[in-house]
Amino acid sequence: MTAERRAVLHRRIRWIVGFTIGYNLIEAVVSVAAGSAASSAALIGFGLDSLVEVLSAAAVAWQFSRADPEKYEKGTLRVIALAFFALAAYVSASALLTLFGAVEPEHSTLGIVITAVSVVVMPFVSWFERRTGRELGSATAVADSKQTLICTYLSAAVLIGLLLNSLFGWTWADPVAALVIAVFAIREGIEAWKGDTCATPVAMILEGDNREH
């Protein structure tokens, strides 16, 4: 990989995580406000999850603002892993409270809108960051893209839960889906802690091909 191409990819990563940070800060404020108004633990948890996403993206942004980003790969992966674990812990606690009837969420039009927007927007952000991270060979960028994708699943789960609760009064749908997502979050956190992501440096692949030929 040429130095020019690497610089382009570094800038692209910074733009992606910058957008992610800005979007999730807005999402957090709107979700927590809507959740508080509707007494919805799911929406409040969704807003706090957005702050976890901000932490993960900020860690990657900090890494790629360094002169030698690869030097900080392991430490940044550990931060992302901890963010996954924090996400899983909070989602699980929130889901269990709802399942055992400690919380009775009410209808929230604003909550439905913000989660629906996230379901549409964030998969594209995750795909773009994952594609860039794999080309660059950055495990942290790929791990952060997985964090974004899991948050997309959480958006869908909260949206379905809000809709089912509003239409049929099924308060159990959201927490059940959230618990499934928590399991995936723990799995991805363990992989990020080990450094076992799907980022395979393109330069290493090309080098191997050249040796074969």
C-alpha atoms as a PDB file:
ATOM      1  CA  MET A   1       0.000   0.000   0.000  1.00  0.00           C
ATOM      2  CA  THR A   2       1.389   3.388  -0.977  1.00  0.00           C
ATOM      3  CA  ALA A   3       1.815   6.158   1.572  1.00  0.00           C
ATOM      4  CA  GLU A   4      -0.710   8.285  -0.349  1.00  0.00           C
ATOM      5  CA  ARG A   5      -3.390   5.583  -0.234  1.00  0.00           C
ATOM      6  CA  ARG A   6      -2.767   4.977   3.459  1.00  0.00           C
ATOM      7  CA  ALA A   7      -3.156   8.706   4.157  1.00  0.00           C
ATOM      8  CA  VAL A   8      -6.465   8.729   2.251  1.00  0.00           C
ATOM      9  CA  LEU A   9      -7.750   5.797   4.295  1.00  0.00           C
ATOM     10  CA  HIS A  10      -6.651   7.429   7.552  1.00  0.00           C
ATOM     11  CA  ARG A  11      -8.587  10.594   6.628  1.00  0.00           C
ATOM     12  CA  ARG A  12     -11.605   8.499   5.685  1.00  0.00           C
ATOM     13  CA  ILE A  13     -11.580   6.753   9.063  1.00  0.00           C
ATOM     14  CA  ARG A  14     -11.426  10.135  10.830  1.00  0.00           C
ATOM     15  CA  TRP A  15     -14.412  11.392   8.823  1.00  0.00           C
ATOM     16  CA  ILE A  16     -16.434   8.246   9.552  1.00  0.00           C
ATOM     17  CA  VAL A  17     -15.837   8.294  13.294  1.00  0.00           C
ATOM     18  CA  GLY A  18     -16.426  12.060  13.351  1.00  0.00           C
ATOM     19  CA  PHE A  19     -19.848  11.547  11.801  1.00  0.00           C
ATOM     20  CA  THR A  20     -20.542   8.656  14.169  1.00  0.00           C
ATOM     21  CA  ILE A  21     -19.692  10.758  17.211  1.00  0.00           C
ATOM     22  CA  GLY A  22     -21.873  13.681  16.105  1.00  0.00           C
ATOM     23  CA  TYR A  23     -24.837  11.499  15.144  1.00  0.00           C
ATOM     24  CA  ASN A  24     -24.745   9.447  18.317  1.00  0.00           C
ATOM     25  CA  LEU A  25     -24.520  12.506  20.556  1.00  0.00           C
ATOM     26  CA  ILE A  26     -27.735  13.811  18.956  1.00  0.00           C
ATOM     27  CA  GLU A  27     -29.285  10.347  19.178  1.00  0.00           C
ATOM     28  CA  ALA A  28     -28.377  10.084  22.858  1.00  0.00           C
ATOM     29  CA  VAL A  29     -29.949  13.421  23.784  1.00  0.00           C
ATOM     30  CA  VAL A  30     -33.162  12.730  21.827  1.00  0.00           C
ATOM     31  CA  SER A  31     -33.507   9.141  23.072  1.00  0.00           C
ATOM     32  CA  VAL A  32     -32.919   9.930  26.747  1.00  0.00           C
ATOM     33  CA  ALA A  33     -35.358  12.854  26.578  1.00  0.00           C
ATOM     34  CA  ALA A  34     -38.006  10.748  24.821  1.00  0.00           C
ATOM     35  CA  GLY A  35     -37.410   7.832  27.176  1.00  0.00           C
ATOM     36  CA  SER A  36     -37.755  10.012  30.245  1.00  0.00           C
ATOM     37  CA  ALA A  37     -41.004  11.492  28.941  1.00  0.00           C
ATOM     38  CA  ALA A  38     -42.444   8.033  28.179  1.00  0.00           C
ATOM     39  CA  SER A  39     -40.932   6.246  31.207  1.00  0.00           C
ATOM     40  CA  SER A  40     -39.262   3.912  28.723  1.00  0.00           C
ATOM     41  CA  ALA A  41     -36.218   2.083  30.063  1.00  0.00           C
ATOM     42  CA  ALA A  42     -35.560   0.752  26.556  1.00  0.00           C
ATOM     43  CA  LEU A  43     -35.310   4.233  25.073  1.00  0.00           C
ATOM     44  CA  ILE A  44     -33.163   5.525  27.932  1.00  0.00           C
ATOM     45  CA  GLY A  45     -30.924   2.490  27.529  1.00  0.00           C
ATOM     46  CA  PHE A  46     -30.795   3.142  23.792  1.00  0.00           C
ATOM     47  CA  GLY A  47     -29.635   6.692  24.472  1.00  0.00           C
ATOM     48  CA  LEU A  48     -26.953   5.543  26.882  1.00  0.00           C
ATOM     49  CA  ASP A  49     -25.895   2.937  24.339  1.00  0.00           C
ATOM     50  CA  SER A  50     -25.327   5.810  21.918  1.00  0.00           C
ATOM     51  CA  LEU A  51     -22.859   7.272  24.412  1.00  0.00           C
ATOM     52  CA  VAL A  52     -21.018   3.927  24.437  1.00  0.00           C
ATOM     53  CA  GLU A  53     -20.825   4.172  20.659  1.00  0.00           C
ATOM     54  CA  VAL A  54     -19.381   7.681  21.039  1.00  0.00           C
ATOM     55  CA  LEU A  55     -16.678   6.286  23.343  1.00  0.00           C
ATOM     56  CA  SER A  56     -15.738   3.614  20.820  1.00  0.00           C
ATOM     57  CA  ALA A  57     -15.639   6.062  17.903  1.00  0.00           C
ATOM     58  CA  ALA A  58     -13.687   8.606  19.946  1.00  0.00           C
ATOM     59  CA  ALA A  59     -11.083   5.964  20.768  1.00  0.00           C
ATOM     60  CA  VAL A  60     -10.605   5.231  17.064  1.00  0.00           C
ATOM     61  CA  ALA A  61     -10.556   8.957  16.227  1.00  0.00           C
ATOM     62  CA  TRP A  62      -7.839   9.491  18.831  1.00  0.00           C
ATOM     63  CA  GLN A  63      -5.820   6.574  17.460  1.00  0.00           C
ATOM     64  CA  PHE A  64      -5.924   7.862  13.887  1.00  0.00           C
ATOM     65  CA  SER A  65      -4.931  11.360  14.978  1.00  0.00           C
ATOM     66  CA  ARG A  66      -1.540   9.940  16.038  1.00  0.00           C
ATOM     67  CA  ALA A  67       1.461   9.988  13.718  1.00  0.00           C
ATOM     68  CA  ASP A  68       1.721   6.181  13.929  1.00  0.00           C
ATOM     69  CA  PRO A  69      -1.825   4.788  14.454  1.00  0.00           C
ATOM     70  CA  GLU A  70      -0.724   1.140  14.329  1.00  0.00           C
ATOM     71  CA  LYS A  71       1.319   1.671  17.492  1.00  0.00           C
ATOM     72  CA  TYR A  72      -1.874   2.223  19.497  1.00  0.00           C
ATOM     73  CA  GLU A  73      -3.833  -0.664  17.983  1.00  0.00           C
ATOM     74  CA  LYS A  74      -3.864  -2.958  21.042  1.00  0.00           C
ATOM     75  CA  GLY A  75      -4.780  -0.293  23.573  1.00  0.00           C
ATOM     76  CA  THR A  76      -7.597   1.047  21.412  1.00  0.00           C
ATOM     77  CA  LEU A  77      -8.968  -2.474  20.922  1.00  0.00           C
ATOM     78  CA  ARG A  78      -9.112  -2.881  24.704  1.00  0.00           C
ATOM     79  CA  VAL A  79     -11.140   0.334  25.012  1.00  0.00           C
ATOM     80  CA  ILE A  80     -13.570  -0.899  22.347  1.00  0.00           C
ATOM     81  CA  ALA A  81     -13.850  -4.275  24.114  1.00  0.00           C
ATOM     82  CA  LEU A  82     -14.738  -2.549  27.390  1.00  0.00           C
ATOM     83  CA  ALA A  83     -17.353  -0.508  25.525  1.00  0.00           C
ATOM     84  CA  PHE A  84     -18.899  -3.752  24.243  1.00  0.00           C
ATOM     85  CA  PHE A  85     -19.002  -5.197  27.771  1.00  0.00           C
ATOM     86  CA  ALA A  86     -20.558  -2.006  29.183  1.00  0.00           C
ATOM     87  CA  LEU A  87     -23.180  -2.082  26.439  1.00  0.00           C
ATOM     88  CA  ALA A  88     -24.030  -5.728  27.167  1.00  0.00           C
ATOM     89  CA  ALA A  89     -24.271  -5.099  30.917  1.00  0.00           C
ATOM     90  CA  TYR A  90     -26.605  -2.127  30.638  1.00  0.00           C
ATOM     91  CA  VAL A  91     -28.828  -3.671  27.964  1.00  0.00           C
ATOM     92  CA  SER A  92     -29.152  -6.838  30.062  1.00  0.00           C
ATOM     93  CA  ALA A  93     -30.034  -4.936  33.236  1.00  0.00           C
ATOM     94  CA  SER A  94     -32.565  -2.768  31.413  1.00  0.00           C
ATOM     95  CA  ALA A  95     -34.132  -5.795  29.716  1.00  0.00           C
ATOM     96  CA  LEU A  96     -34.474  -7.746  32.965  1.00  0.00           C
ATOM     97  CA  LEU A  97     -36.129  -4.800  34.720  1.00  0.00           C
ATOM     98  CA  THR A  98     -38.728  -4.629  31.966  1.00  0.00           C
ATOM     99  CA  LEU A  99     -39.267  -8.401  31.897  1.00  0.00           C
ATOM    100  CA  PHE A 100     -39.945  -8.518  35.644  1.00  0.00           C
ATOM    101  CA  GLY A 101     -42.390  -5.625  35.434  1.00  0.00           C
ATOM    102  CA  ALA A 102     -40.300  -2.998  37.215  1.00  0.00           C
ATOM    103  CA  VAL A 103     -40.758  -0.688  34.221  1.00  0.00           C
ATOM    104  CA  GLU A 104     -43.853  -0.148  32.066  1.00  0.00           C
ATOM    105  CA  PRO A 105     -42.864   1.719  28.890  1.00  0.00           C
ATOM    106  CA  GLU A 106     -45.442   4.002  27.282  1.00  0.00           C
ATOM    107  CA  HIS A 107     -45.963   5.001  23.638  1.00  0.00           C
ATOM    108  CA  SER A 108     -43.317   7.349  22.238  1.00  0.00           C
ATOM    109  CA  THR A 109     -43.639   8.748  18.723  1.00  0.00           C
ATOM    110  CA  LEU A 110     -40.274  10.504  18.992  1.00  0.00           C
ATOM    111  CA  GLY A 111     -38.648   7.267  20.133  1.00  0.00           C
ATOM    112  CA  ILE A 112     -40.066   5.380  17.150  1.00  0.00           C
ATOM    113  CA  VAL A 113     -38.776   8.051  14.760  1.00  0.00           C
ATOM    114  CA  ILE A 114     -35.201   8.206  16.141  1.00  0.00           C
ATOM    115  CA  THR A 115     -34.805   4.416  16.240  1.00  0.00           C
ATOM    116  CA  ALA A 116     -36.210   4.072  12.707  1.00  0.00           C
ATOM    117  CA  VAL A 117     -33.703   6.652  11.408  1.00  0.00           C
ATOM    118  CA  SER A 118     -30.871   4.739  13.073  1.00  0.00           C
ATOM    119  CA  VAL A 119     -31.971   1.464  11.490  1.00  0.00           C
ATOM    120  CA  VAL A 120     -31.718   3.105   8.062  1.00  0.00           C
ATOM    121  CA  VAL A 121     -28.543   5.193   8.490  1.00  0.00           C
ATOM    122  CA  MET A 122     -26.146   3.221  10.677  1.00  0.00           C
ATOM    123  CA  PRO A 123     -25.773   0.028   8.563  1.00  0.00           C
ATOM    124  CA  PHE A 124     -24.239   2.149   5.786  1.00  0.00           C
ATOM    125  CA  VAL A 125     -21.852   3.787   8.251  1.00  0.00           C
ATOM    126  CA  SER A 126     -20.836   0.378   9.604  1.00  0.00           C
ATOM    127  CA  TRP A 127     -20.293  -1.054   6.112  1.00  0.00           C
ATOM    128  CA  PHE A 128     -18.197   1.915   4.975  1.00  0.00           C
ATOM    129  CA  GLU A 129     -15.990   1.818   8.072  1.00  0.00           C
ATOM    130  CA  ARG A 130     -15.575  -1.965   7.916  1.00  0.00           C
ATOM    131  CA  ARG A 131     -14.611  -1.818   4.234  1.00  0.00           C
ATOM    132  CA  THR A 132     -12.084   0.956   4.902  1.00  0.00           C
ATOM    133  CA  GLY A 133     -10.689  -0.821   7.976  1.00  0.00           C
ATOM    134  CA  ARG A 134     -10.175  -4.082   6.097  1.00  0.00           C
ATOM    135  CA  GLU A 135      -8.369  -2.357   3.243  1.00  0.00           C
ATOM    136  CA  LEU A 136      -6.191  -0.518   5.740  1.00  0.00           C
ATOM    137  CA  GLY A 137      -5.689  -3.641   7.857  1.00  0.00           C
ATOM    138  CA  SER A 138      -6.944  -1.885  10.982  1.00  0.00           C
ATOM    139  CA  ALA A 139      -8.443  -4.171  13.628  1.00  0.00           C
ATOM    140  CA  THR A 140      -9.713  -1.178  15.602  1.00  0.00           C
ATOM    141  CA  ALA A 141     -11.671   0.258  12.672  1.00  0.00           C
ATOM    142  CA  VAL A 142     -13.251  -3.148  11.984  1.00  0.00           C
ATOM    143  CA  ALA A 143     -14.087  -3.605  15.682  1.00  0.00           C
ATOM    144  CA  ASP A 144     -15.661  -0.142  15.808  1.00  0.00           C
ATOM    145  CA  SER A 145     -17.719  -0.960  12.703  1.00  0.00           C
ATOM    146  CA  LYS A 146     -19.006  -4.065  14.511  1.00  0.00           C
ATOM    147  CA  GLN A 147     -19.949  -1.888  17.466  1.00  0.00           C
ATOM    148  CA  THR A 148     -21.947   0.311  15.090  1.00  0.00           C
ATOM    149  CA  LEU A 149     -23.637  -2.731  13.549  1.00  0.00           C
ATOM    150  CA  ILE A 150     -24.611  -4.116  16.957  1.00  0.00           C
ATOM    151  CA  CYS A 151     -26.052  -0.712  17.826  1.00  0.00           C
ATOM    152  CA  THR A 152     -28.071  -0.981  14.608  1.00  0.00           C
ATOM    153  CA  TYR A 153     -29.472  -4.303  15.806  1.00  0.00           C
ATOM    154  CA  LEU A 154     -30.279  -2.682  19.118  1.00  0.00           C
ATOM    155  CA  SER A 155     -32.051   0.142  17.256  1.00  0.00           C
ATOM    156  CA  ALA A 156     -34.164  -2.430  15.425  1.00  0.00           C
ATOM    157  CA  ALA A 157     -34.942  -4.296  18.651  1.00  0.00           C
ATOM    158  CA  VAL A 158     -36.001  -1.112  20.440  1.00  0.00           C
ATOM    159  CA  LEU A 159     -38.058  -0.028  17.418  1.00  0.00           C
ATOM    160  CA  ILE A 160     -39.856  -3.388  17.248  1.00  0.00           C
ATOM    161  CA  GLY A 161     -40.427  -3.304  20.992  1.00  0.00           C
ATOM    162  CA  LEU A 162     -41.843   0.223  20.859  1.00  0.00           C
ATOM    163  CA  LEU A 163     -44.144  -0.686  17.970  1.00  0.00           C
ATOM    164  CA  LEU A 164     -45.377  -3.917  19.572  1.00  0.00           C
ATOM    165  CA  ASN A 165     -45.945  -2.144  22.865  1.00  0.00           C
ATOM    166  CA  SER A 166     -47.815   0.691  21.169  1.00  0.00           C
ATOM    167  CA  LEU A 167     -49.937  -1.571  18.947  1.00  0.00           C
ATOM    168  CA  PHE A 168     -50.527  -4.625  21.135  1.00  0.00           C
ATOM    169  CA  GLY A 169     -49.263  -3.794  24.615  1.00  0.00           C
ATOM    170  CA  TRP A 170     -46.536  -6.481  24.414  1.00  0.00           C
ATOM    171  CA  THR A 171     -43.970  -5.112  26.840  1.00  0.00           C
ATOM    172  CA  TRP A 172     -41.857  -8.295  26.741  1.00  0.00           C
ATOM    173  CA  ALA A 173     -40.850  -8.100  23.040  1.00  0.00           C
ATOM    174  CA  ASP A 174     -38.201  -5.408  23.398  1.00  0.00           C
ATOM    175  CA  PRO A 175     -36.295  -6.880  26.394  1.00  0.00           C
ATOM    176  CA  VAL A 176     -36.189 -10.374  24.860  1.00  0.00           C
ATOM    177  CA  ALA A 177     -34.618  -9.030  21.663  1.00  0.00           C
ATOM    178  CA  ALA A 178     -32.247  -6.862  23.707  1.00  0.00           C
ATOM    179  CA  LEU A 179     -30.973  -9.891  25.647  1.00  0.00           C
ATOM    180  CA  VAL A 180     -30.105 -11.641  22.385  1.00  0.00           C
ATOM    181  CA  ILE A 181     -28.170  -8.553  21.287  1.00  0.00           C
ATOM    182  CA  ALA A 182     -26.351  -8.477  24.634  1.00  0.00           C
ATOM    183  CA  VAL A 183     -25.022 -11.979  23.937  1.00  0.00           C
ATOM    184  CA  PHE A 184     -23.619 -10.796  20.607  1.00  0.00           C
ATOM    185  CA  ALA A 185     -22.103  -7.737  22.284  1.00  0.00           C
ATOM    186  CA  ILE A 186     -20.259  -9.949  24.785  1.00  0.00           C
ATOM    187  CA  ARG A 187     -18.969 -12.143  21.957  1.00  0.00           C
ATOM    188  CA  GLU A 188     -17.666  -9.160  19.995  1.00  0.00           C
ATOM    189  CA  GLY A 189     -16.138  -7.685  23.143  1.00  0.00           C
ATOM    190  CA  ILE A 190     -14.188 -10.882  23.777  1.00  0.00           C
ATOM    191  CA  GLU A 191     -12.953 -10.927  20.177  1.00  0.00           C
ATOM    192  CA  ALA A 192     -11.900  -7.277  20.343  1.00  0.00           C
ATOM    193  CA  TRP A 193     -10.055  -7.903  23.634  1.00  0.00           C
ATOM    194  CA  LYS A 194      -8.142 -10.763  22.012  1.00  0.00           C
ATOM    195  CA  GLY A 195      -7.519  -8.698  18.887  1.00  0.00           C
ATOM    196  CA  ASP A 196      -9.413 -11.358  16.921  1.00  0.00           C
ATOM    197  CA  THR A 197     -11.306  -9.265  14.379  1.00  0.00           C
ATOM    198  CA  CYS A 198     -11.845  -9.736  10.681  1.00  0.00           C
ATOM    199  CA  ALA A 199      -9.244  -7.131   9.623  1.00  0.00           C
ATOM    200  CA  THR A 200      -6.710  -8.803   7.369  1.00  0.00           C
ATOM    201  CA  PRO A 201      -4.071  -6.354   6.157  1.00  0.00           C
ATOM    202  CA  VAL A 202      -4.346  -6.037   2.399  1.00  0.00           C
ATOM    203  CA  ALA A 203      -0.623  -5.385   2.170  1.00  0.00           C
ATOM    204  CA  MET A 204       0.080  -8.800   3.752  1.00  0.00           C
ATOM    205  CA  ILE A 205      -2.270 -10.514   1.291  1.00  0.00           C
ATOM    206  CA  LEU A 206      -0.627  -8.798  -1.671  1.00  0.00           C
ATOM    207  CA  GLU A 207       2.816  -9.627  -0.309  1.00  0.00           C
ATOM    208  CA  GLY A 208       1.849 -13.295  -0.042  1.00  0.00           C
ATOM    209  CA  ASP A 209       0.510 -13.285  -3.600  1.00  0.00           C
ATOM    210  CA  ASN A 210       3.705 -11.714  -4.892  1.00  0.00           C
ATOM    211  CA  ARG A 211       5.795 -14.357  -3.170  1.00  0.00           C
ATOM    212  CA  GLU A 212       3.720 -17.105  -4.769  1.00  0.00           C
ATOM    213  CA  HIS A 213       4.296 -15.577  -8.202  1.00  0.00           C
END
